[in-house]
Amino acid sequence: MRWQSNLSSGQSSPEIRVGSTVPGGITVNNFGLSQGTWACSLDVEIGDTVEITGSGAVGRSQPSAGTGRSIIGFVTQKDSAITCTVQYTGEVTLSKPLIPGSYYYAADEGQISETGVFSGVSQPVGVAKTESILIINITRPITL
């Protein structure tokens, strides 16, 4: 993966290599950007689905609130009380028991459910590979 050249100034941005970390704490894998470090609220926990709540900040997903915020990924590490690592693509191991082959949707309080919400915004987040592994496949939110 490479950054595009800046055609107006003739300068190019540096090459990004697989496995490297770029400014902002984003790690690159074979699929592109896979995870990043974010500021987060105290109540965010490992395994939560999160949405962007401000510049460089995430909070637990709240699809029934109807805010129109999109879920961006799953918290895989709580780096401190107010920072976390969010996984955007690939597979994530969750403590919630999953049903292999079932699709999952974002639910309130950062949780996931086999059914979408009935009011607000429904957003698919992935499909279960095993009883504990979810293949992340976040799609566009659907306003209900």
N, C-alpha and C. Protein backbone atom coordinates (compact mmCIF):
# COMPACT_ATOMS: atom_id res chain seq x y z
N MET A 1 0.85 -1.16 0.00
CA MET A 1 0.00 0.00 0.00
C MET A 1 0.90 1.23 0.00
N ARG A 2 0.56 2.24 -0.78
CA ARG A 2 1.33 3.48 -0.84
C ARG A 2 0.38 4.67 -0.78
N TRP A 3 0.87 5.75 -0.24
CA TRP A 3 0.11 6.99 -0.29
C TRP A 3 0.16 7.54 -1.70
N GLN A 4 -0.85 8.28 -2.08
CA GLN A 4 -0.86 8.93 -3.39
C GLN A 4 0.14 10.08 -3.40
N SER A 5 0.70 10.36 -4.56
CA SER A 5 1.60 11.51 -4.70
C SER A 5 0.80 12.79 -4.56
N ASN A 6 1.44 13.79 -4.04
CA ASN A 6 0.85 15.12 -3.96
C ASN A 6 1.18 15.82 -5.27
N LEU A 7 0.25 15.76 -6.21
CA LEU A 7 0.52 16.25 -7.56
C LEU A 7 0.77 17.74 -7.62
N SER A 8 0.16 18.52 -6.73
CA SER A 8 0.34 19.96 -6.80
C SER A 8 1.74 20.39 -6.38
N SER A 9 2.36 19.66 -5.42
CA SER A 9 3.69 20.06 -4.98
C SER A 9 4.78 19.16 -5.52
N GLY A 10 4.37 18.02 -6.14
CA GLY A 10 5.35 17.10 -6.68
C GLY A 10 5.98 16.21 -5.63
N GLN A 11 5.54 16.32 -4.35
CA GLN A 11 6.10 15.50 -3.29
C GLN A 11 5.24 14.27 -3.06
N SER A 12 5.87 13.18 -2.65
CA SER A 12 5.16 11.96 -2.32
C SER A 12 5.23 11.71 -0.84
N SER A 13 4.18 11.11 -0.30
CA SER A 13 4.19 10.69 1.09
C SER A 13 4.95 9.39 1.19
N PRO A 14 5.45 9.03 2.37
CA PRO A 14 6.24 7.81 2.49
C PRO A 14 5.42 6.55 2.24
N GLU A 15 6.12 5.50 1.81
CA GLU A 15 5.49 4.20 1.58
C GLU A 15 5.08 3.59 2.92
N ILE A 16 3.92 2.94 2.94
CA ILE A 16 3.46 2.24 4.13
C ILE A 16 3.61 0.75 3.84
N ARG A 17 4.32 0.04 4.68
CA ARG A 17 4.56 -1.38 4.49
C ARG A 17 3.65 -2.19 5.39
N VAL A 18 3.29 -3.40 4.94
CA VAL A 18 2.48 -4.32 5.72
C VAL A 18 3.19 -4.59 7.04
N GLY A 19 2.44 -4.54 8.14
CA GLY A 19 2.99 -4.78 9.47
C GLY A 19 3.55 -3.54 10.13
N SER A 20 3.56 -2.40 9.43
CA SER A 20 4.10 -1.18 10.03
C SER A 20 3.00 -0.40 10.74
N THR A 21 3.41 0.50 11.61
CA THR A 21 2.48 1.38 12.29
C THR A 21 2.74 2.79 11.81
N VAL A 22 1.69 3.48 11.42
CA VAL A 22 1.83 4.84 10.90
C VAL A 22 1.41 5.82 11.98
N PRO A 23 1.74 7.11 11.82
CA PRO A 23 1.34 8.10 12.82
C PRO A 23 -0.15 8.00 13.14
N GLY A 24 -0.49 8.12 14.41
CA GLY A 24 -1.86 7.98 14.84
C GLY A 24 -2.12 6.59 15.39
N GLY A 25 -1.09 5.73 15.38
CA GLY A 25 -1.22 4.40 15.97
C GLY A 25 -1.96 3.41 15.11
N ILE A 26 -2.09 3.65 13.82
CA ILE A 26 -2.82 2.75 12.94
C ILE A 26 -1.85 1.71 12.39
N THR A 27 -2.22 0.44 12.48
CA THR A 27 -1.40 -0.66 11.99
C THR A 27 -1.93 -1.13 10.65
N VAL A 28 -1.02 -1.46 9.75
CA VAL A 28 -1.38 -1.89 8.40
C VAL A 28 -1.17 -3.39 8.29
N ASN A 29 -2.17 -4.11 7.73
CA ASN A 29 -2.00 -5.54 7.45
C ASN A 29 -2.32 -5.76 5.98
N ASN A 30 -2.46 -7.01 5.56
CA ASN A 30 -2.73 -7.30 4.16
C ASN A 30 -4.05 -6.73 3.66
N PHE A 31 -4.95 -6.41 4.55
CA PHE A 31 -6.25 -5.89 4.16
C PHE A 31 -6.29 -4.37 4.20
N GLY A 32 -5.22 -3.73 4.60
CA GLY A 32 -5.20 -2.28 4.75
C GLY A 32 -5.14 -1.91 6.22
N LEU A 33 -5.77 -0.83 6.59
CA LEU A 33 -5.76 -0.39 7.98
C LEU A 33 -6.58 -1.34 8.82
N SER A 34 -6.00 -1.93 9.87
CA SER A 34 -6.72 -2.93 10.63
C SER A 34 -7.08 -2.50 12.03
N GLN A 35 -6.32 -1.61 12.63
CA GLN A 35 -6.63 -1.18 13.99
C GLN A 35 -6.02 0.18 14.25
N GLY A 36 -6.52 0.84 15.29
CA GLY A 36 -5.99 2.14 15.66
C GLY A 36 -6.20 2.41 17.13
N THR A 37 -5.47 3.39 17.64
CA THR A 37 -5.56 3.79 19.05
C THR A 37 -6.45 5.02 19.15
N TRP A 38 -7.39 4.98 20.09
CA TRP A 38 -8.38 6.05 20.25
C TRP A 38 -8.49 6.46 21.72
N ALA A 39 -8.89 7.70 21.93
CA ALA A 39 -9.34 8.11 23.26
C ALA A 39 -10.72 7.48 23.46
N CYS A 40 -11.02 7.06 24.67
CA CYS A 40 -12.33 6.44 24.91
C CYS A 40 -12.84 6.79 26.30
N SER A 41 -14.14 6.63 26.47
CA SER A 41 -14.75 6.90 27.76
C SER A 41 -14.41 5.78 28.74
N LEU A 42 -14.54 6.06 30.03
CA LEU A 42 -14.19 5.10 31.08
C LEU A 42 -14.98 3.81 30.99
N ASP A 43 -16.24 3.87 30.51
CA ASP A 43 -17.10 2.68 30.50
C ASP A 43 -16.81 1.72 29.33
N VAL A 44 -15.97 2.12 28.38
CA VAL A 44 -15.64 1.26 27.23
C VAL A 44 -14.82 0.08 27.74
N GLU A 45 -15.21 -1.13 27.28
CA GLU A 45 -14.53 -2.36 27.71
C GLU A 45 -14.07 -3.16 26.50
N ILE A 46 -13.14 -4.08 26.72
CA ILE A 46 -12.69 -4.99 25.67
C ILE A 46 -13.89 -5.79 25.17
N GLY A 47 -14.03 -5.87 23.85
CA GLY A 47 -15.14 -6.58 23.21
C GLY A 47 -16.29 -5.68 22.81
N ASP A 48 -16.32 -4.43 23.29
CA ASP A 48 -17.39 -3.50 22.93
C ASP A 48 -17.30 -3.08 21.46
N THR A 49 -18.46 -2.87 20.84
CA THR A 49 -18.50 -2.16 19.56
C THR A 49 -18.49 -0.68 19.90
N VAL A 50 -17.79 0.10 19.09
CA VAL A 50 -17.67 1.53 19.38
C VAL A 50 -17.99 2.37 18.16
N GLU A 51 -18.38 3.60 18.44
CA GLU A 51 -18.67 4.60 17.39
C GLU A 51 -17.86 5.84 17.71
N ILE A 52 -17.59 6.63 16.68
CA ILE A 52 -16.83 7.87 16.88
C ILE A 52 -17.73 8.88 17.58
N THR A 53 -17.22 9.43 18.68
CA THR A 53 -18.00 10.40 19.46
C THR A 53 -17.40 11.81 19.39
N GLY A 54 -16.21 11.93 18.85
CA GLY A 54 -15.54 13.22 18.73
C GLY A 54 -14.22 13.02 18.01
N SER A 55 -13.46 14.07 17.89
CA SER A 55 -12.18 13.99 17.18
C SER A 55 -11.23 13.04 17.90
N GLY A 56 -10.94 11.91 17.27
CA GLY A 56 -10.03 10.93 17.84
C GLY A 56 -10.59 10.19 19.04
N ALA A 57 -11.91 10.24 19.24
CA ALA A 57 -12.51 9.61 20.43
C ALA A 57 -13.65 8.68 20.05
N VAL A 58 -13.80 7.60 20.81
CA VAL A 58 -14.88 6.64 20.61
C VAL A 58 -15.62 6.40 21.92
N GLY A 59 -16.85 5.92 21.77
CA GLY A 59 -17.67 5.51 22.91
C GLY A 59 -18.45 4.26 22.52
N ARG A 60 -19.05 3.63 23.52
CA ARG A 60 -19.84 2.43 23.25
C ARG A 60 -20.94 2.73 22.24
N SER A 61 -21.22 1.74 21.38
CA SER A 61 -22.27 1.92 20.38
C SER A 61 -23.63 2.08 21.06
N GLN A 62 -24.46 2.91 20.46
CA GLN A 62 -25.82 3.18 20.94
C GLN A 62 -26.75 3.32 19.73
N PRO A 63 -26.94 2.24 18.96
CA PRO A 63 -27.73 2.38 17.72
C PRO A 63 -29.17 2.81 17.93
N SER A 64 -29.80 2.45 19.05
CA SER A 64 -31.20 2.82 19.25
C SER A 64 -31.36 4.31 19.52
N ALA A 65 -30.26 5.01 19.81
CA ALA A 65 -30.33 6.45 20.05
C ALA A 65 -30.61 7.22 18.77
N GLY A 66 -30.37 6.57 17.60
CA GLY A 66 -30.67 7.22 16.34
C GLY A 66 -29.78 8.40 16.02
N THR A 67 -28.55 8.42 16.53
CA THR A 67 -27.64 9.54 16.29
C THR A 67 -27.06 9.55 14.88
N GLY A 68 -27.13 8.40 14.19
CA GLY A 68 -26.55 8.30 12.86
C GLY A 68 -25.07 8.02 12.89
N ARG A 69 -24.50 7.80 14.08
CA ARG A 69 -23.08 7.47 14.17
C ARG A 69 -22.86 6.04 13.73
N SER A 70 -21.81 5.81 12.98
CA SER A 70 -21.49 4.48 12.48
C SER A 70 -20.54 3.75 13.43
N ILE A 71 -20.78 2.46 13.59
CA ILE A 71 -19.87 1.63 14.37
C ILE A 71 -18.60 1.48 13.54
N ILE A 72 -17.44 1.61 14.18
CA ILE A 72 -16.18 1.51 13.43
C ILE A 72 -15.41 0.24 13.73
N GLY A 73 -15.72 -0.44 14.84
CA GLY A 73 -14.98 -1.65 15.14
C GLY A 73 -15.20 -2.13 16.56
N PHE A 74 -14.30 -3.03 16.99
CA PHE A 74 -14.37 -3.67 18.30
C PHE A 74 -13.15 -3.30 19.13
N VAL A 75 -13.34 -3.04 20.40
CA VAL A 75 -12.22 -2.76 21.30
C VAL A 75 -11.51 -4.07 21.60
N THR A 76 -10.21 -4.12 21.30
CA THR A 76 -9.43 -5.34 21.54
C THR A 76 -8.43 -5.17 22.67
N GLN A 77 -8.22 -3.92 23.09
CA GLN A 77 -7.28 -3.68 24.18
C GLN A 77 -7.64 -2.36 24.84
N LYS A 78 -7.57 -2.32 26.14
CA LYS A 78 -7.77 -1.09 26.89
C LYS A 78 -6.38 -0.66 27.34
N ASP A 79 -5.79 0.29 26.63
CA ASP A 79 -4.41 0.70 26.86
C ASP A 79 -4.25 1.47 28.16
N SER A 80 -5.27 2.20 28.55
CA SER A 80 -5.33 2.92 29.83
C SER A 80 -6.80 3.13 30.13
N ALA A 81 -7.12 3.82 31.19
CA ALA A 81 -8.52 4.06 31.53
C ALA A 81 -9.24 4.85 30.44
N ILE A 82 -8.48 5.65 29.68
CA ILE A 82 -9.12 6.52 28.69
C ILE A 82 -8.57 6.37 27.27
N THR A 83 -7.83 5.29 26.99
CA THR A 83 -7.40 4.99 25.63
C THR A 83 -7.63 3.51 25.34
N CYS A 84 -7.92 3.21 24.07
CA CYS A 84 -8.16 1.82 23.69
C CYS A 84 -7.71 1.58 22.26
N THR A 85 -7.53 0.29 21.94
CA THR A 85 -7.22 -0.13 20.58
C THR A 85 -8.50 -0.67 19.97
N VAL A 86 -8.82 -0.19 18.76
CA VAL A 86 -10.02 -0.62 18.06
C VAL A 86 -9.62 -1.40 16.82
N GLN A 87 -10.19 -2.60 16.67
CA GLN A 87 -9.95 -3.47 15.52
C GLN A 87 -11.05 -3.18 14.50
N TYR A 88 -10.66 -2.82 13.25
CA TYR A 88 -11.62 -2.47 12.20
C TYR A 88 -11.94 -3.64 11.27
N THR A 89 -10.97 -4.50 11.02
CA THR A 89 -11.12 -5.59 10.06
C THR A 89 -10.54 -6.88 10.62
N GLY A 90 -10.77 -7.97 9.92
CA GLY A 90 -10.20 -9.26 10.31
C GLY A 90 -11.11 -10.02 11.25
N GLU A 91 -10.52 -10.70 12.21
CA GLU A 91 -11.26 -11.52 13.17
C GLU A 91 -11.03 -10.97 14.57
N VAL A 92 -12.04 -11.11 15.41
CA VAL A 92 -11.93 -10.68 16.79
C VAL A 92 -12.48 -11.80 17.68
N THR A 93 -11.79 -12.06 18.78
CA THR A 93 -12.24 -13.06 19.74
C THR A 93 -13.08 -12.35 20.81
N LEU A 94 -14.29 -12.86 21.03
CA LEU A 94 -15.21 -12.26 21.99
C LEU A 94 -15.54 -13.25 23.11
N SER A 95 -15.88 -12.72 24.27
CA SER A 95 -16.25 -13.58 25.40
C SER A 95 -17.72 -14.01 25.31
N LYS A 96 -18.51 -13.27 24.56
CA LYS A 96 -19.92 -13.62 24.37
C LYS A 96 -20.01 -14.88 23.50
N PRO A 97 -20.80 -15.88 23.91
CA PRO A 97 -20.93 -17.07 23.06
C PRO A 97 -21.64 -16.73 21.74
N LEU A 98 -21.07 -17.20 20.63
CA LEU A 98 -21.60 -16.93 19.30
C LEU A 98 -22.11 -18.21 18.67
N ILE A 99 -22.97 -18.06 17.67
CA ILE A 99 -23.47 -19.20 16.91
C ILE A 99 -22.81 -19.15 15.54
N PRO A 100 -21.93 -20.13 15.23
CA PRO A 100 -21.21 -20.11 13.95
C PRO A 100 -22.18 -19.96 12.76
N GLY A 101 -21.81 -19.07 11.85
CA GLY A 101 -22.63 -18.82 10.66
C GLY A 101 -23.68 -17.74 10.85
N SER A 102 -23.93 -17.32 12.09
CA SER A 102 -24.94 -16.29 12.35
C SER A 102 -24.36 -14.90 12.15
N TYR A 103 -25.19 -14.01 11.60
CA TYR A 103 -24.81 -12.61 11.46
C TYR A 103 -25.11 -11.89 12.77
N TYR A 104 -24.29 -10.88 13.07
CA TYR A 104 -24.47 -10.11 14.29
C TYR A 104 -24.55 -8.62 13.96
N TYR A 105 -25.31 -7.91 14.80
CA TYR A 105 -25.57 -6.49 14.63
C TYR A 105 -25.14 -5.75 15.88
N ALA A 106 -24.81 -4.47 15.72
CA ALA A 106 -24.48 -3.64 16.88
C ALA A 106 -25.72 -3.47 17.73
N ALA A 107 -25.53 -3.51 19.04
CA ALA A 107 -26.61 -3.30 20.00
C ALA A 107 -26.17 -2.20 20.97
N ASP A 108 -27.09 -1.72 21.78
CA ASP A 108 -26.75 -0.67 22.74
C ASP A 108 -25.73 -1.14 23.76
N GLU A 109 -25.08 -0.17 24.39
CA GLU A 109 -24.06 -0.41 25.42
C GLU A 109 -22.86 -1.18 24.88
N GLY A 110 -22.58 -1.05 23.56
CA GLY A 110 -21.41 -1.68 22.98
C GLY A 110 -21.53 -3.17 22.73
N GLN A 111 -22.72 -3.70 22.87
CA GLN A 111 -22.93 -5.14 22.72
C GLN A 111 -23.27 -5.50 21.27
N ILE A 112 -23.38 -6.81 20.99
CA ILE A 112 -23.84 -7.28 19.69
C ILE A 112 -25.02 -8.21 19.90
N SER A 113 -25.82 -8.38 18.85
CA SER A 113 -27.02 -9.19 18.94
C SER A 113 -27.25 -9.88 17.60
N GLU A 114 -27.97 -11.00 17.63
CA GLU A 114 -28.32 -11.68 16.38
C GLU A 114 -29.43 -10.95 15.64
N THR A 115 -30.09 -10.04 16.30
CA THR A 115 -31.14 -9.25 15.66
C THR A 115 -30.77 -7.78 15.74
N GLY A 116 -31.10 -7.03 14.72
CA GLY A 116 -30.85 -5.60 14.73
C GLY A 116 -31.85 -4.91 15.65
N VAL A 117 -31.64 -3.64 15.89
CA VAL A 117 -32.58 -2.88 16.70
C VAL A 117 -33.86 -2.64 15.91
N PHE A 118 -34.94 -2.33 16.62
CA PHE A 118 -36.23 -2.11 15.96
C PHE A 118 -36.56 -0.64 15.76
N SER A 119 -35.74 0.22 16.36
CA SER A 119 -35.87 1.65 16.12
C SER A 119 -34.48 2.25 16.20
N GLY A 120 -34.29 3.37 15.55
CA GLY A 120 -32.97 3.97 15.53
C GLY A 120 -32.19 3.52 14.32
N VAL A 121 -31.01 2.95 14.55
CA VAL A 121 -30.13 2.55 13.47
C VAL A 121 -29.70 1.10 13.67
N SER A 122 -29.82 0.29 12.63
CA SER A 122 -29.35 -1.09 12.66
C SER A 122 -28.08 -1.17 11.83
N GLN A 123 -27.04 -1.81 12.38
CA GLN A 123 -25.79 -1.90 11.64
C GLN A 123 -25.17 -3.28 11.80
N PRO A 124 -25.08 -4.05 10.69
CA PRO A 124 -24.40 -5.34 10.74
C PRO A 124 -22.92 -5.13 11.06
N VAL A 125 -22.34 -6.03 11.90
CA VAL A 125 -20.93 -5.90 12.28
C VAL A 125 -20.09 -7.13 11.96
N GLY A 126 -20.73 -8.27 11.64
CA GLY A 126 -19.94 -9.43 11.30
C GLY A 126 -20.71 -10.73 11.35
N VAL A 127 -19.97 -11.82 11.08
CA VAL A 127 -20.55 -13.16 11.10
C VAL A 127 -19.64 -14.05 11.96
N ALA A 128 -20.28 -14.94 12.74
CA ALA A 128 -19.52 -15.81 13.63
C ALA A 128 -18.82 -16.92 12.86
N LYS A 129 -17.54 -17.06 13.09
CA LYS A 129 -16.74 -18.13 12.51
C LYS A 129 -16.79 -19.36 13.42
N THR A 130 -16.68 -19.12 14.72
CA THR A 130 -16.74 -20.18 15.73
C THR A 130 -17.59 -19.66 16.89
N GLU A 131 -17.61 -20.39 17.98
CA GLU A 131 -18.37 -19.98 19.16
C GLU A 131 -17.77 -18.75 19.84
N SER A 132 -16.52 -18.38 19.47
CA SER A 132 -15.89 -17.23 20.10
C SER A 132 -15.23 -16.25 19.13
N ILE A 133 -15.18 -16.57 17.83
CA ILE A 133 -14.52 -15.69 16.86
C ILE A 133 -15.54 -15.11 15.89
N LEU A 134 -15.49 -13.79 15.75
CA LEU A 134 -16.36 -13.07 14.82
C LEU A 134 -15.50 -12.52 13.69
N ILE A 135 -15.92 -12.75 12.45
CA ILE A 135 -15.26 -12.14 11.30
C ILE A 135 -15.88 -10.76 11.15
N ILE A 136 -15.08 -9.73 11.32
CA ILE A 136 -15.59 -8.36 11.27
C ILE A 136 -15.97 -8.01 9.84
N ASN A 137 -17.22 -7.59 9.68
CA ASN A 137 -17.73 -7.17 8.37
C ASN A 137 -18.74 -6.06 8.63
N ILE A 138 -18.23 -4.90 8.96
CA ILE A 138 -19.09 -3.77 9.31
C ILE A 138 -19.58 -3.12 8.02
N THR A 139 -20.89 -3.02 7.91
CA THR A 139 -21.49 -2.41 6.72
C THR A 139 -22.19 -1.11 7.11
N ARG A 140 -22.74 -0.44 6.12
CA ARG A 140 -23.41 0.84 6.36
C ARG A 140 -24.59 0.68 7.31
N PRO A 141 -24.79 1.64 8.17
CA PRO A 141 -25.95 1.60 9.06
C PRO A 141 -27.25 1.79 8.27
N ILE A 142 -28.30 1.18 8.78
CA ILE A 142 -29.63 1.29 8.16
C ILE A 142 -30.52 2.04 9.15
N THR A 143 -31.01 3.22 8.76
CA THR A 143 -31.89 3.99 9.63
C THR A 143 -33.30 3.42 9.54
N LEU A 144 -33.86 3.10 10.72
CA LEU A 144 -35.20 2.51 10.78
C LEU A 144 -36.25 3.54 11.12
